[in-house]
């Protein structure tokens, strides 16, 4: 079988081996038949697809630190290189002239001035309400903001870049845009190194109390969760928000947001920290979530990956927190 055979026009041999180092011993025909027999069933990608003209994307950016606008445009432009249906919604500080710059660069961008309340969470909720009110077609939302703090305890020294880099990298987006079409019931997509376990809140018990109160008040919210995105920047399925971030829940949350940054969550239940756990924790507990890893496949996995059942993705891992909890038994169901 020749590489020029018409049956292989949809298959990029070099790209397939580059993305799957466990298969680098295969020649072109062997790699092709591996994809046909195994790879496509394992959600391996066989060719770069430069443009997705099916999935509706809305980028929601809270631009509190307006001096980071240029950096934010690099993430936006990567998304626009891959997805052709992209809406851009930017929340900015009240009475700030940055709106002119944004509109000059992205003429169709929606700019909403907001008060400095609820850090990045309240602006996100305001943006979701705008999407709903104006019927903006949205399958997935990319939530971004201009975080400048670090997290040295978890070795996240460039926290903002480590949150956004993996989920907006051009090559990663080429894969992600296909997963958006192929994988059903997706919840969220986040950088693996910024996904932390629920057990971290053994130190911050007020967060657990706050979530339990919300679950008791709003029974439609999943009371179980196993992990969440620390830093609050991720992709999320808009169906998840429609299902869980209901208007009654929004009406409950909004009056509780504080001006400026809330105190440390050692001192009380603050809705800003609670929402961080709700969005990618409780809301996505029964969904298929995607972690974007930046480490290569390990040598031990390479050894065992001769059988398809042991395949370990190099870049993307898909998991369901509900099933993970059942397997490990590490996170007992909270009593509400």
C-alpha atoms as a PDB file:
ATOM      1  CA  UNK A   1       0.000   0.000   0.000  1.00  0.00           C
ATOM      2  CA  UNK A   2       1.477   3.304  -1.096  1.00  0.00           C
ATOM      3  CA  UNK A   3       1.283   6.578   0.782  1.00  0.00           C
ATOM      4  CA  UNK A   4      -0.214   7.975  -2.417  1.00  0.00           C
ATOM      5  CA  UNK A   5      -3.039   5.482  -2.431  1.00  0.00           C
ATOM      6  CA  UNK A   6      -6.352   7.381  -2.553  1.00  0.00           C
ATOM      7  CA  UNK A   7      -7.596   5.407   0.455  1.00  0.00           C
ATOM      8  CA  UNK A   8      -4.978   7.182   2.576  1.00  0.00           C
ATOM      9  CA  UNK A   9      -5.636  10.752   1.475  1.00  0.00           C
ATOM     10  CA  UNK A  10      -7.428  11.491   4.744  1.00  0.00           C
ATOM     11  CA  UNK A  11      -4.569   9.974   6.763  1.00  0.00           C
ATOM     12  CA  UNK A  12      -1.392  11.922   7.644  1.00  0.00           C
ATOM     13  CA  UNK A  13       1.238   9.300   8.494  1.00  0.00           C
ATOM     14  CA  UNK A  14       3.848  11.715   9.897  1.00  0.00           C
ATOM     15  CA  UNK A  15       1.287  13.552  12.023  1.00  0.00           C
ATOM     16  CA  UNK A  16      -0.155  10.257  13.352  1.00  0.00           C
ATOM     17  CA  UNK A  17       3.256   9.069  14.537  1.00  0.00           C
ATOM     18  CA  UNK A  18       4.156  12.495  15.922  1.00  0.00           C
ATOM     19  CA  UNK A  19       1.029  12.514  18.081  1.00  0.00           C
ATOM     20  CA  UNK A  20       1.379   8.847  19.102  1.00  0.00           C
ATOM     21  CA  UNK A  21       4.980   8.033  20.054  1.00  0.00           C
ATOM     22  CA  UNK A  22       3.968   4.487  21.044  1.00  0.00           C
ATOM     23  CA  UNK A  23       3.406   3.787  17.323  1.00  0.00           C
ATOM     24  CA  UNK A  24       6.648   5.140  15.918  1.00  0.00           C
ATOM     25  CA  UNK A  25       7.854   1.641  15.058  1.00  0.00           C
ATOM     26  CA  UNK A  26       5.071   1.331  12.431  1.00  0.00           C
ATOM     27  CA  UNK A  27       5.541   2.062   8.746  1.00  0.00           C
ATOM     28  CA  UNK A  28       2.913   3.973   6.778  1.00  0.00           C
ATOM     29  CA  UNK A  29       0.625   1.055   5.820  1.00  0.00           C
ATOM     30  CA  UNK A  30       0.828  -0.435   9.310  1.00  0.00           C
ATOM     31  CA  UNK A  31      -0.022   2.934  10.886  1.00  0.00           C
ATOM     32  CA  UNK A  32      -2.951   3.345   8.498  1.00  0.00           C
ATOM     33  CA  UNK A  33      -4.416  -0.050   9.385  1.00  0.00           C
ATOM     34  CA  UNK A  34      -3.783   0.610  13.069  1.00  0.00           C
ATOM     35  CA  UNK A  35      -5.932   3.735  12.780  1.00  0.00           C
ATOM     36  CA  UNK A  36      -8.688   1.904  10.882  1.00  0.00           C
ATOM     37  CA  UNK A  37      -8.797  -1.049  13.298  1.00  0.00           C
ATOM     38  CA  UNK A  38      -7.934   0.604  16.608  1.00  0.00           C
ATOM     39  CA  UNK A  39      -6.976   4.269  16.516  1.00  0.00           C
ATOM     40  CA  UNK A  40     -10.288   5.797  15.498  1.00  0.00           C
ATOM     41  CA  UNK A  41     -12.055   3.839  18.238  1.00  0.00           C
ATOM     42  CA  UNK A  42      -9.543   5.249  20.756  1.00  0.00           C
ATOM     43  CA  UNK A  43     -10.216   8.821  19.566  1.00  0.00           C
ATOM     44  CA  UNK A  44      -6.732   9.144  18.080  1.00  0.00           C
ATOM     45  CA  UNK A  45      -6.520  11.902  15.483  1.00  0.00           C
ATOM     46  CA  UNK A  46      -5.220  10.910  12.064  1.00  0.00           C
ATOM     47  CA  UNK A  47      -4.835  14.296  10.363  1.00  0.00           C
ATOM     48  CA  UNK A  48      -4.666  17.974  11.191  1.00  0.00           C
ATOM     49  CA  UNK A  49      -7.998  19.583  10.451  1.00  0.00           C
ATOM     50  CA  UNK A  50      -7.327  23.303  10.211  1.00  0.00           C
ATOM     51  CA  UNK A  51     -10.857  24.677  10.512  1.00  0.00           C
ATOM     52  CA  UNK A  52     -13.955  23.649  12.434  1.00  0.00           C
ATOM     53  CA  UNK A  53     -17.002  25.309  10.877  1.00  0.00           C
ATOM     54  CA  UNK A  54     -19.546  23.355  12.920  1.00  0.00           C
ATOM     55  CA  UNK A  55     -18.923  24.060  16.616  1.00  0.00           C
ATOM     56  CA  UNK A  56     -20.121  27.423  17.955  1.00  0.00           C
ATOM     57  CA  UNK A  57     -17.572  28.954  20.322  1.00  0.00           C
ATOM     58  CA  UNK A  58     -17.943  31.935  22.646  1.00  0.00           C
ATOM     59  CA  UNK A  59     -14.792  33.310  24.264  1.00  0.00           C
ATOM     60  CA  UNK A  60     -15.627  34.980  27.583  1.00  0.00           C
ATOM     61  CA  UNK A  61     -12.752  37.138  28.823  1.00  0.00           C
ATOM     62  CA  UNK A  62     -12.735  39.212  31.993  1.00  0.00           C
ATOM     63  CA  UNK A  63     -10.097  41.854  31.187  1.00  0.00           C
ATOM     64  CA  UNK A  64      -9.575  43.334  34.640  1.00  0.00           C
ATOM     65  CA  UNK A  65      -5.822  43.832  34.064  1.00  0.00           C
ATOM     66  CA  UNK A  66      -6.162  45.730  30.814  1.00  0.00           C
ATOM     67  CA  UNK A  67      -2.379  45.826  30.262  1.00  0.00           C
ATOM     68  CA  UNK A  68      -2.594  42.084  29.467  1.00  0.00           C
ATOM     69  CA  UNK A  69      -4.786  42.625  26.422  1.00  0.00           C
ATOM     70  CA  UNK A  70      -2.019  41.828  23.916  1.00  0.00           C
ATOM     71  CA  UNK A  71      -1.333  38.500  25.612  1.00  0.00           C
ATOM     72  CA  UNK A  72      -5.026  37.664  25.618  1.00  0.00           C
ATOM     73  CA  UNK A  73      -5.217  38.284  21.865  1.00  0.00           C
ATOM     74  CA  UNK A  74      -2.678  35.503  21.255  1.00  0.00           C
ATOM     75  CA  UNK A  75      -5.057  33.008  22.890  1.00  0.00           C
ATOM     76  CA  UNK A  76      -8.050  34.454  21.038  1.00  0.00           C
ATOM     77  CA  UNK A  77      -6.274  34.341  17.682  1.00  0.00           C
ATOM     78  CA  UNK A  78      -5.307  30.695  18.137  1.00  0.00           C
ATOM     79  CA  UNK A  79      -8.953  29.823  18.723  1.00  0.00           C
ATOM     80  CA  UNK A  80     -10.006  31.828  15.666  1.00  0.00           C
ATOM     81  CA  UNK A  81      -7.438  29.972  13.520  1.00  0.00           C
ATOM     82  CA  UNK A  82      -9.160  26.681  14.304  1.00  0.00           C
ATOM     83  CA  UNK A  83     -12.840  27.570  14.798  1.00  0.00           C
ATOM     84  CA  UNK A  84     -14.663  29.672  12.235  1.00  0.00           C
ATOM     85  CA  UNK A  85     -17.753  30.313  14.391  1.00  0.00           C
ATOM     86  CA  UNK A  86     -16.346  32.387  17.255  1.00  0.00           C
ATOM     87  CA  UNK A  87     -18.018  35.097  19.314  1.00  0.00           C
ATOM     88  CA  UNK A  88     -15.903  37.265  21.621  1.00  0.00           C
ATOM     89  CA  UNK A  89     -17.356  38.735  24.799  1.00  0.00           C
ATOM     90  CA  UNK A  90     -15.110  40.904  26.972  1.00  0.00           C
ATOM     91  CA  UNK A  91     -15.951  42.381  30.363  1.00  0.00           C
ATOM     92  CA  UNK A  92     -13.860  45.414  31.338  1.00  0.00           C
ATOM     93  CA  UNK A  93     -13.616  47.878  34.260  1.00  0.00           C
ATOM     94  CA  UNK A  94     -16.168  50.676  34.280  1.00  0.00           C
ATOM     95  CA  UNK A  95     -15.290  53.779  32.220  1.00  0.00           C
ATOM     96  CA  UNK A  96     -12.090  52.300  30.798  1.00  0.00           C
ATOM     97  CA  UNK A  97     -10.949  53.359  27.286  1.00  0.00           C
ATOM     98  CA  UNK A  98      -9.741  49.829  26.405  1.00  0.00           C
ATOM     99  CA  UNK A  99     -13.101  49.247  24.686  1.00  0.00           C
ATOM    100  CA  UNK A 100     -11.904  51.274  21.676  1.00  0.00           C
ATOM    101  CA  UNK A 101      -8.813  49.088  21.314  1.00  0.00           C
ATOM    102  CA  UNK A 102     -10.851  45.890  21.571  1.00  0.00           C
ATOM    103  CA  UNK A 103     -13.379  47.038  18.981  1.00  0.00           C
ATOM    104  CA  UNK A 104     -10.636  48.145  16.624  1.00  0.00           C
ATOM    105  CA  UNK A 105      -9.060  44.681  16.711  1.00  0.00           C
ATOM    106  CA  UNK A 106     -12.272  42.634  16.794  1.00  0.00           C
ATOM    107  CA  UNK A 107     -15.083  44.685  15.309  1.00  0.00           C
ATOM    108  CA  UNK A 108     -17.802  42.203  16.274  1.00  0.00           C
ATOM    109  CA  UNK A 109     -16.627  41.812  19.879  1.00  0.00           C
ATOM    110  CA  UNK A 110     -19.160  42.457  22.619  1.00  0.00           C
ATOM    111  CA  UNK A 111     -17.760  44.657  25.385  1.00  0.00           C
ATOM    112  CA  UNK A 112     -19.538  44.932  28.739  1.00  0.00           C
ATOM    113  CA  UNK A 113     -18.287  47.330  31.441  1.00  0.00           C
ATOM    114  CA  UNK A 114     -18.701  45.781  34.901  1.00  0.00           C
ATOM    115  CA  UNK A 115     -18.102  46.879  38.470  1.00  0.00           C
ATOM    116  CA  UNK A 116     -15.173  45.389  40.394  1.00  0.00           C
ATOM    117  CA  UNK A 117     -17.202  42.789  42.257  1.00  0.00           C
ATOM    118  CA  UNK A 118     -17.066  39.013  42.371  1.00  0.00           C
ATOM    119  CA  UNK A 119     -13.532  38.873  40.865  1.00  0.00           C
ATOM    120  CA  UNK A 120     -13.812  36.919  37.569  1.00  0.00           C
ATOM    121  CA  UNK A 121     -16.902  34.932  38.603  1.00  0.00           C
ATOM    122  CA  UNK A 122     -19.625  37.580  38.581  1.00  0.00           C
ATOM    123  CA  UNK A 123     -18.451  38.937  35.174  1.00  0.00           C
ATOM    124  CA  UNK A 124     -18.636  35.362  33.855  1.00  0.00           C
ATOM    125  CA  UNK A 125     -22.202  34.974  35.120  1.00  0.00           C
ATOM    126  CA  UNK A 126     -23.126  38.335  33.585  1.00  0.00           C
ATOM    127  CA  UNK A 127     -21.635  37.123  30.288  1.00  0.00           C
ATOM    128  CA  UNK A 128     -23.633  33.877  30.409  1.00  0.00           C
ATOM    129  CA  UNK A 129     -26.812  35.884  31.006  1.00  0.00           C
ATOM    130  CA  UNK A 130     -25.946  38.078  28.000  1.00  0.00           C
ATOM    131  CA  UNK A 131     -25.432  34.975  25.812  1.00  0.00           C
ATOM    132  CA  UNK A 132     -28.853  33.688  26.845  1.00  0.00           C
ATOM    133  CA  UNK A 133     -30.686  36.985  26.508  1.00  0.00           C
ATOM    134  CA  UNK A 134     -29.328  37.614  23.002  1.00  0.00           C
ATOM    135  CA  UNK A 135     -29.526  33.977  21.862  1.00  0.00           C
ATOM    136  CA  UNK A 136     -25.868  33.816  20.865  1.00  0.00           C
ATOM    137  CA  UNK A 137     -25.335  30.329  19.393  1.00  0.00           C
ATOM    138  CA  UNK A 138     -22.867  28.645  21.740  1.00  0.00           C
ATOM    139  CA  UNK A 139     -21.782  25.040  22.085  1.00  0.00           C
ATOM    140  CA  UNK A 140     -18.666  25.646  24.197  1.00  0.00           C
ATOM    141  CA  UNK A 141     -17.427  28.619  26.206  1.00  0.00           C
ATOM    142  CA  UNK A 142     -13.757  29.389  26.747  1.00  0.00           C
ATOM    143  CA  UNK A 143     -13.531  31.190  30.091  1.00  0.00           C
ATOM    144  CA  UNK A 144     -10.435  33.392  30.529  1.00  0.00           C
ATOM    145  CA  UNK A 145      -9.349  36.188  32.844  1.00  0.00           C
ATOM    146  CA  UNK A 146      -6.206  38.154  33.663  1.00  0.00           C
ATOM    147  CA  UNK A 147      -4.945  36.363  36.762  1.00  0.00           C
ATOM    148  CA  UNK A 148      -1.589  37.745  37.951  1.00  0.00           C
ATOM    149  CA  UNK A 149      -1.135  35.791  41.178  1.00  0.00           C
ATOM    150  CA  UNK A 150       1.075  32.711  41.383  1.00  0.00           C
ATOM    151  CA  UNK A 151       0.664  29.454  43.237  1.00  0.00           C
ATOM    152  CA  UNK A 152       4.103  28.509  44.470  1.00  0.00           C
ATOM    153  CA  UNK A 153       2.708  25.841  46.785  1.00  0.00           C
ATOM    154  CA  UNK A 154       1.609  23.802  43.764  1.00  0.00           C
ATOM    155  CA  UNK A 155       4.606  24.960  41.672  1.00  0.00           C
ATOM    156  CA  UNK A 156       2.392  27.047  39.389  1.00  0.00           C
ATOM    157  CA  UNK A 157       4.808  29.941  39.067  1.00  0.00           C
ATOM    158  CA  UNK A 158       3.221  31.251  35.864  1.00  0.00           C
ATOM    159  CA  UNK A 159      -0.285  30.338  36.854  1.00  0.00           C
ATOM    160  CA  UNK A 160      -2.134  32.278  34.137  1.00  0.00           C
ATOM    161  CA  UNK A 161      -0.017  30.861  31.317  1.00  0.00           C
ATOM    162  CA  UNK A 162      -0.154  27.363  32.797  1.00  0.00           C
ATOM    163  CA  UNK A 163      -3.938  27.554  32.899  1.00  0.00           C
ATOM    164  CA  UNK A 164      -4.398  28.982  29.414  1.00  0.00           C
ATOM    165  CA  UNK A 165      -1.409  27.679  27.453  1.00  0.00           C
ATOM    166  CA  UNK A 166      -2.437  23.998  27.147  1.00  0.00           C
ATOM    167  CA  UNK A 167      -6.087  24.737  26.321  1.00  0.00           C
ATOM    168  CA  UNK A 168      -5.357  27.400  23.679  1.00  0.00           C
ATOM    169  CA  UNK A 169      -2.236  25.942  22.070  1.00  0.00           C
ATOM    170  CA  UNK A 170      -2.795  25.762  18.308  1.00  0.00           C
ATOM    171  CA  UNK A 171      -1.843  22.093  17.889  1.00  0.00           C
ATOM    172  CA  UNK A 172      -3.909  21.130  20.924  1.00  0.00           C
ATOM    173  CA  UNK A 173      -6.893  23.014  19.525  1.00  0.00           C
ATOM    174  CA  UNK A 174      -6.640  21.036  16.288  1.00  0.00           C
ATOM    175  CA  UNK A 175      -7.279  17.911  18.334  1.00  0.00           C
ATOM    176  CA  UNK A 176      -9.776  19.479  20.718  1.00  0.00           C
ATOM    177  CA  UNK A 177     -12.016  20.743  17.925  1.00  0.00           C
ATOM    178  CA  UNK A 178     -12.423  17.154  16.723  1.00  0.00           C
ATOM    179  CA  UNK A 179     -13.134  15.869  20.222  1.00  0.00           C
ATOM    180  CA  UNK A 180     -15.877  18.490  20.526  1.00  0.00           C
ATOM    181  CA  UNK A 181     -17.564  16.814  17.558  1.00  0.00           C
ATOM    182  CA  UNK A 182     -16.837  13.166  18.424  1.00  0.00           C
ATOM    183  CA  UNK A 183     -17.195  12.867  22.198  1.00  0.00           C
ATOM    184  CA  UNK A 184     -20.649  13.145  23.699  1.00  0.00           C
ATOM    185  CA  UNK A 185     -21.505  14.533  27.141  1.00  0.00           C
ATOM    186  CA  UNK A 186     -18.329  16.625  27.509  1.00  0.00           C
ATOM    187  CA  UNK A 187     -18.282  18.721  30.683  1.00  0.00           C
ATOM    188  CA  UNK A 188     -15.122  20.822  30.821  1.00  0.00           C
ATOM    189  CA  UNK A 189     -11.611  20.966  29.388  1.00  0.00           C
ATOM    190  CA  UNK A 190      -8.746  22.135  31.583  1.00  0.00           C
ATOM    191  CA  UNK A 191      -4.984  22.042  32.061  1.00  0.00           C
ATOM    192  CA  UNK A 192      -4.106  18.858  33.925  1.00  0.00           C
ATOM    193  CA  UNK A 193      -1.622  20.515  36.288  1.00  0.00           C
ATOM    194  CA  UNK A 194      -4.311  22.968  37.453  1.00  0.00           C
ATOM    195  CA  UNK A 195      -6.861  20.264  38.259  1.00  0.00           C
ATOM    196  CA  UNK A 196      -6.776  19.712  42.014  1.00  0.00           C
ATOM    197  CA  UNK A 197      -8.633  17.155  44.155  1.00  0.00           C
ATOM    198  CA  UNK A 198     -11.528  17.927  46.426  1.00  0.00           C
ATOM    199  CA  UNK A 199      -9.418  16.795  49.369  1.00  0.00           C
ATOM    200  CA  UNK A 200      -7.586  20.142  49.236  1.00  0.00           C
ATOM    201  CA  UNK A 201     -10.630  21.576  51.001  1.00  0.00           C
ATOM    202  CA  UNK A 202      -9.836  19.603  54.115  1.00  0.00           C
ATOM    203  CA  UNK A 203      -7.904  22.821  54.839  1.00  0.00           C
ATOM    204  CA  UNK A 204     -10.707  25.107  53.664  1.00  0.00           C
ATOM    205  CA  UNK A 205     -13.772  23.565  55.258  1.00  0.00           C
ATOM    206  CA  UNK A 206     -15.907  26.656  54.717  1.00  0.00           C
ATOM    207  CA  UNK A 207     -15.935  25.854  50.992  1.00  0.00           C
ATOM    208  CA  UNK A 208     -17.441  22.435  51.682  1.00  0.00           C
ATOM    209  CA  UNK A 209     -20.059  23.949  53.976  1.00  0.00           C
ATOM    210  CA  UNK A 210     -20.945  26.541  51.344  1.00  0.00           C
ATOM    211  CA  UNK A 211     -21.328  23.946  48.574  1.00  0.00           C
ATOM    212  CA  UNK A 212     -23.453  21.713  50.776  1.00  0.00           C
ATOM    213  CA  UNK A 213     -25.739  24.641  51.546  1.00  0.00           C
ATOM    214  CA  UNK A 214     -26.176  25.341  47.832  1.00  0.00           C
ATOM    215  CA  UNK A 215     -26.889  21.656  47.108  1.00  0.00           C
ATOM    216  CA  UNK A 216     -29.507  21.613  49.855  1.00  0.00           C
ATOM    217  CA  UNK A 217     -31.117  24.820  48.573  1.00  0.00           C
ATOM    218  CA  UNK A 218     -30.926  23.774  44.895  1.00  0.00           C
ATOM    219  CA  UNK A 219     -31.409  19.977  44.609  1.00  0.00           C
ATOM    220  CA  UNK A 220     -30.714  20.028  40.858  1.00  0.00           C
ATOM    221  CA  UNK A 221     -27.011  20.700  41.608  1.00  0.00           C
ATOM    222  CA  UNK A 222     -24.924  17.526  41.888  1.00  0.00           C
ATOM    223  CA  UNK A 223     -23.960  17.130  45.537  1.00  0.00           C
ATOM    224  CA  UNK A 224     -20.901  15.002  44.721  1.00  0.00           C
ATOM    225  CA  UNK A 225     -17.641  16.161  43.178  1.00  0.00           C
ATOM    226  CA  UNK A 226     -14.072  14.928  43.090  1.00  0.00           C
ATOM    227  CA  UNK A 227     -11.872  17.728  41.699  1.00  0.00           C
ATOM    228  CA  UNK A 228     -11.998  21.230  40.231  1.00  0.00           C
ATOM    229  CA  UNK A 229     -10.008  23.727  38.178  1.00  0.00           C
ATOM    230  CA  UNK A 230      -7.810  25.840  40.440  1.00  0.00           C
ATOM    231  CA  UNK A 231      -7.591  29.200  38.724  1.00  0.00           C
ATOM    232  CA  UNK A 232     -10.990  29.157  37.041  1.00  0.00           C
ATOM    233  CA  UNK A 233      -9.935  29.152  33.362  1.00  0.00           C
ATOM    234  CA  UNK A 234     -11.307  26.367  31.209  1.00  0.00           C
ATOM    235  CA  UNK A 235     -13.579  25.307  28.355  1.00  0.00           C
ATOM    236  CA  UNK A 236     -17.095  24.351  29.441  1.00  0.00           C
ATOM    237  CA  UNK A 237     -20.013  22.870  27.554  1.00  0.00           C
ATOM    238  CA  UNK A 238     -22.820  25.427  27.384  1.00  0.00           C
ATOM    239  CA  UNK A 239     -25.342  22.619  27.947  1.00  0.00           C
ATOM    240  CA  UNK A 240     -23.755  22.095  31.364  1.00  0.00           C
ATOM    241  CA  UNK A 241     -24.363  25.736  32.253  1.00  0.00           C
ATOM    242  CA  UNK A 242     -27.951  25.568  30.971  1.00  0.00           C
ATOM    243  CA  UNK A 243     -28.521  22.503  33.140  1.00  0.00           C
ATOM    244  CA  UNK A 244     -26.966  23.742  36.373  1.00  0.00           C
ATOM    245  CA  UNK A 245     -26.410  27.514  36.292  1.00  0.00           C
ATOM    246  CA  UNK A 246     -30.113  28.290  36.360  1.00  0.00           C
ATOM    247  CA  UNK A 247     -31.618  31.720  36.878  1.00  0.00           C
ATOM    248  CA  UNK A 248     -32.821  30.917  40.433  1.00  0.00           C
ATOM    249  CA  UNK A 249     -29.249  29.856  41.324  1.00  0.00           C
ATOM    250  CA  UNK A 250     -27.870  33.031  39.727  1.00  0.00           C
ATOM    251  CA  UNK A 251     -30.336  35.152  41.714  1.00  0.00           C
ATOM    252  CA  UNK A 252     -29.130  33.392  44.873  1.00  0.00           C
ATOM    253  CA  UNK A 253     -25.437  33.935  44.089  1.00  0.00           C
ATOM    254  CA  UNK A 254     -25.273  37.477  42.714  1.00  0.00           C
ATOM    255  CA  UNK A 255     -26.086  39.452  45.911  1.00  0.00           C
ATOM    256  CA  UNK A 256     -23.367  37.540  47.761  1.00  0.00           C
ATOM    257  CA  UNK A 257     -20.447  38.641  45.584  1.00  0.00           C
ATOM    258  CA  UNK A 258     -18.086  41.058  47.307  1.00  0.00           C
ATOM    259  CA  UNK A 259     -16.344  44.163  46.025  1.00  0.00           C
ATOM    260  CA  UNK A 260     -12.719  43.463  45.130  1.00  0.00           C
ATOM    261  CA  UNK A 261     -11.024  40.233  46.105  1.00  0.00           C
ATOM    262  CA  UNK A 262     -12.577  38.236  48.973  1.00  0.00           C
ATOM    263  CA  UNK A 263     -10.546  37.381  52.082  1.00  0.00           C
ATOM    264  CA  UNK A 264      -8.722  34.070  52.390  1.00  0.00           C
ATOM    265  CA  UNK A 265     -11.101  31.124  52.385  1.00  0.00           C
ATOM    266  CA  UNK A 266      -9.793  30.080  55.795  1.00  0.00           C
ATOM    267  CA  UNK A 267     -12.077  32.729  57.268  1.00  0.00           C
ATOM    268  CA  UNK A 268     -15.506  31.956  55.861  1.00  0.00           C
ATOM    269  CA  UNK A 269     -17.596  30.685  52.972  1.00  0.00           C
ATOM    270  CA  UNK A 270     -17.136  33.161  50.100  1.00  0.00           C
ATOM    271  CA  UNK A 271     -19.235  32.632  47.018  1.00  0.00           C
ATOM    272  CA  UNK A 272     -16.323  33.409  44.674  1.00  0.00           C
ATOM    273  CA  UNK A 273     -14.365  30.366  45.902  1.00  0.00           C
ATOM    274  CA  UNK A 274     -17.475  28.210  46.046  1.00  0.00           C
ATOM    275  CA  UNK A 275     -18.333  28.933  42.395  1.00  0.00           C
ATOM    276  CA  UNK A 276     -14.806  27.950  41.374  1.00  0.00           C
ATOM    277  CA  UNK A 277     -15.582  24.481  42.716  1.00  0.00           C
ATOM    278  CA  UNK A 278     -19.138  24.368  41.397  1.00  0.00           C
ATOM    279  CA  UNK A 279     -18.316  25.132  37.751  1.00  0.00           C
ATOM    280  CA  UNK A 280     -15.824  22.335  37.055  1.00  0.00           C
ATOM    281  CA  UNK A 281     -16.563  20.206  40.126  1.00  0.00           C
ATOM    282  CA  UNK A 282     -20.258  19.698  40.879  1.00  0.00           C
ATOM    283  CA  UNK A 283     -21.531  20.823  37.469  1.00  0.00           C
ATOM    284  CA  UNK A 284     -19.212  18.420  35.612  1.00  0.00           C
ATOM    285  CA  UNK A 285     -19.303  15.476  38.021  1.00  0.00           C
ATOM    286  CA  UNK A 286     -21.397  13.264  35.720  1.00  0.00           C
ATOM    287  CA  UNK A 287     -19.811  14.517  32.493  1.00  0.00           C
ATOM    288  CA  UNK A 288     -16.809  13.415  30.452  1.00  0.00           C
ATOM    289  CA  UNK A 289     -14.052  15.887  31.252  1.00  0.00           C
ATOM    290  CA  UNK A 290     -10.855  16.400  29.304  1.00  0.00           C
ATOM    291  CA  UNK A 291      -7.469  17.045  30.890  1.00  0.00           C
ATOM    292  CA  UNK A 292      -4.748  18.491  28.680  1.00  0.00           C
ATOM    293  CA  UNK A 293      -1.385  17.070  29.750  1.00  0.00           C
ATOM    294  CA  UNK A 294       1.927  18.591  28.818  1.00  0.00           C
ATOM    295  CA  UNK A 295       4.076  15.592  29.760  1.00  0.00           C
ATOM    296  CA  UNK A 296       4.859  12.915  27.136  1.00  0.00           C
ATOM    297  CA  UNK A 297       3.747   9.314  27.391  1.00  0.00           C
ATOM    298  CA  UNK A 298       5.754   7.516  30.071  1.00  0.00           C
ATOM    299  CA  UNK A 299       8.177   4.717  29.250  1.00  0.00           C
ATOM    300  CA  UNK A 300       6.239   2.141  31.261  1.00  0.00           C
ATOM    301  CA  UNK A 301       3.073   2.952  29.314  1.00  0.00           C
ATOM    302  CA  UNK A 302       5.031   2.622  26.072  1.00  0.00           C
ATOM    303  CA  UNK A 303       6.045  -0.896  27.103  1.00  0.00           C
ATOM    304  CA  UNK A 304       2.502  -1.979  27.867  1.00  0.00           C
ATOM    305  CA  UNK A 305       0.844  -0.109  25.000  1.00  0.00           C
ATOM    306  CA  UNK A 306       1.350  -3.004  22.600  1.00  0.00           C
ATOM    307  CA  UNK A 307      -2.239  -3.810  23.523  1.00  0.00           C
ATOM    308  CA  UNK A 308      -4.913  -1.196  22.729  1.00  0.00           C
ATOM    309  CA  UNK A 309      -6.412  -1.472  26.220  1.00  0.00           C
ATOM    310  CA  UNK A 310      -3.244   0.041  27.678  1.00  0.00           C
ATOM    311  CA  UNK A 311      -3.153   3.039  25.345  1.00  0.00           C
ATOM    312  CA  UNK A 312      -2.383   6.283  27.175  1.00  0.00           C
ATOM    313  CA  UNK A 313      -2.978   9.517  25.253  1.00  0.00           C
ATOM    314  CA  UNK A 314       0.029  11.772  24.968  1.00  0.00           C
ATOM    315  CA  UNK A 315      -1.892  15.025  25.229  1.00  0.00           C
ATOM    316  CA  UNK A 316      -5.518  14.440  26.191  1.00  0.00           C
ATOM    317  CA  UNK A 317      -7.051  12.315  28.935  1.00  0.00           C
ATOM    318  CA  UNK A 318     -10.814  11.840  29.075  1.00  0.00           C
ATOM    319  CA  UNK A 319     -12.332  10.838  32.407  1.00  0.00           C
ATOM    320  CA  UNK A 320     -15.633  10.905  34.251  1.00  0.00           C
ATOM    321  CA  UNK A 321     -15.346  12.027  37.903  1.00  0.00           C
ATOM    322  CA  UNK A 322     -18.379   9.977  38.932  1.00  0.00           C
ATOM    323  CA  UNK A 323     -16.740   6.762  37.721  1.00  0.00           C
ATOM    324  CA  UNK A 324     -13.384   7.775  39.177  1.00  0.00           C
ATOM    325  CA  UNK A 325     -14.957   8.208  42.585  1.00  0.00           C
ATOM    326  CA  UNK A 326     -16.670   4.806  42.376  1.00  0.00           C
ATOM    327  CA  UNK A 327     -13.387   3.115  41.486  1.00  0.00           C
ATOM    328  CA  UNK A 328     -11.253   4.729  44.155  1.00  0.00           C
ATOM    329  CA  UNK A 329     -13.741   5.191  46.955  1.00  0.00           C
ATOM    330  CA  UNK A 330     -11.611   8.133  48.061  1.00  0.00           C
ATOM    331  CA  UNK A 331     -14.363  10.706  48.047  1.00  0.00           C
ATOM    332  CA  UNK A 332     -17.408   9.625  50.059  1.00  0.00           C
ATOM    333  CA  UNK A 333     -20.722  11.207  49.217  1.00  0.00           C
ATOM    334  CA  UNK A 334     -21.195  14.258  51.452  1.00  0.00           C
ATOM    335  CA  UNK A 335     -24.097  14.287  53.836  1.00  0.00           C
ATOM    336  CA  UNK A 336     -26.315  17.306  53.175  1.00  0.00           C
END
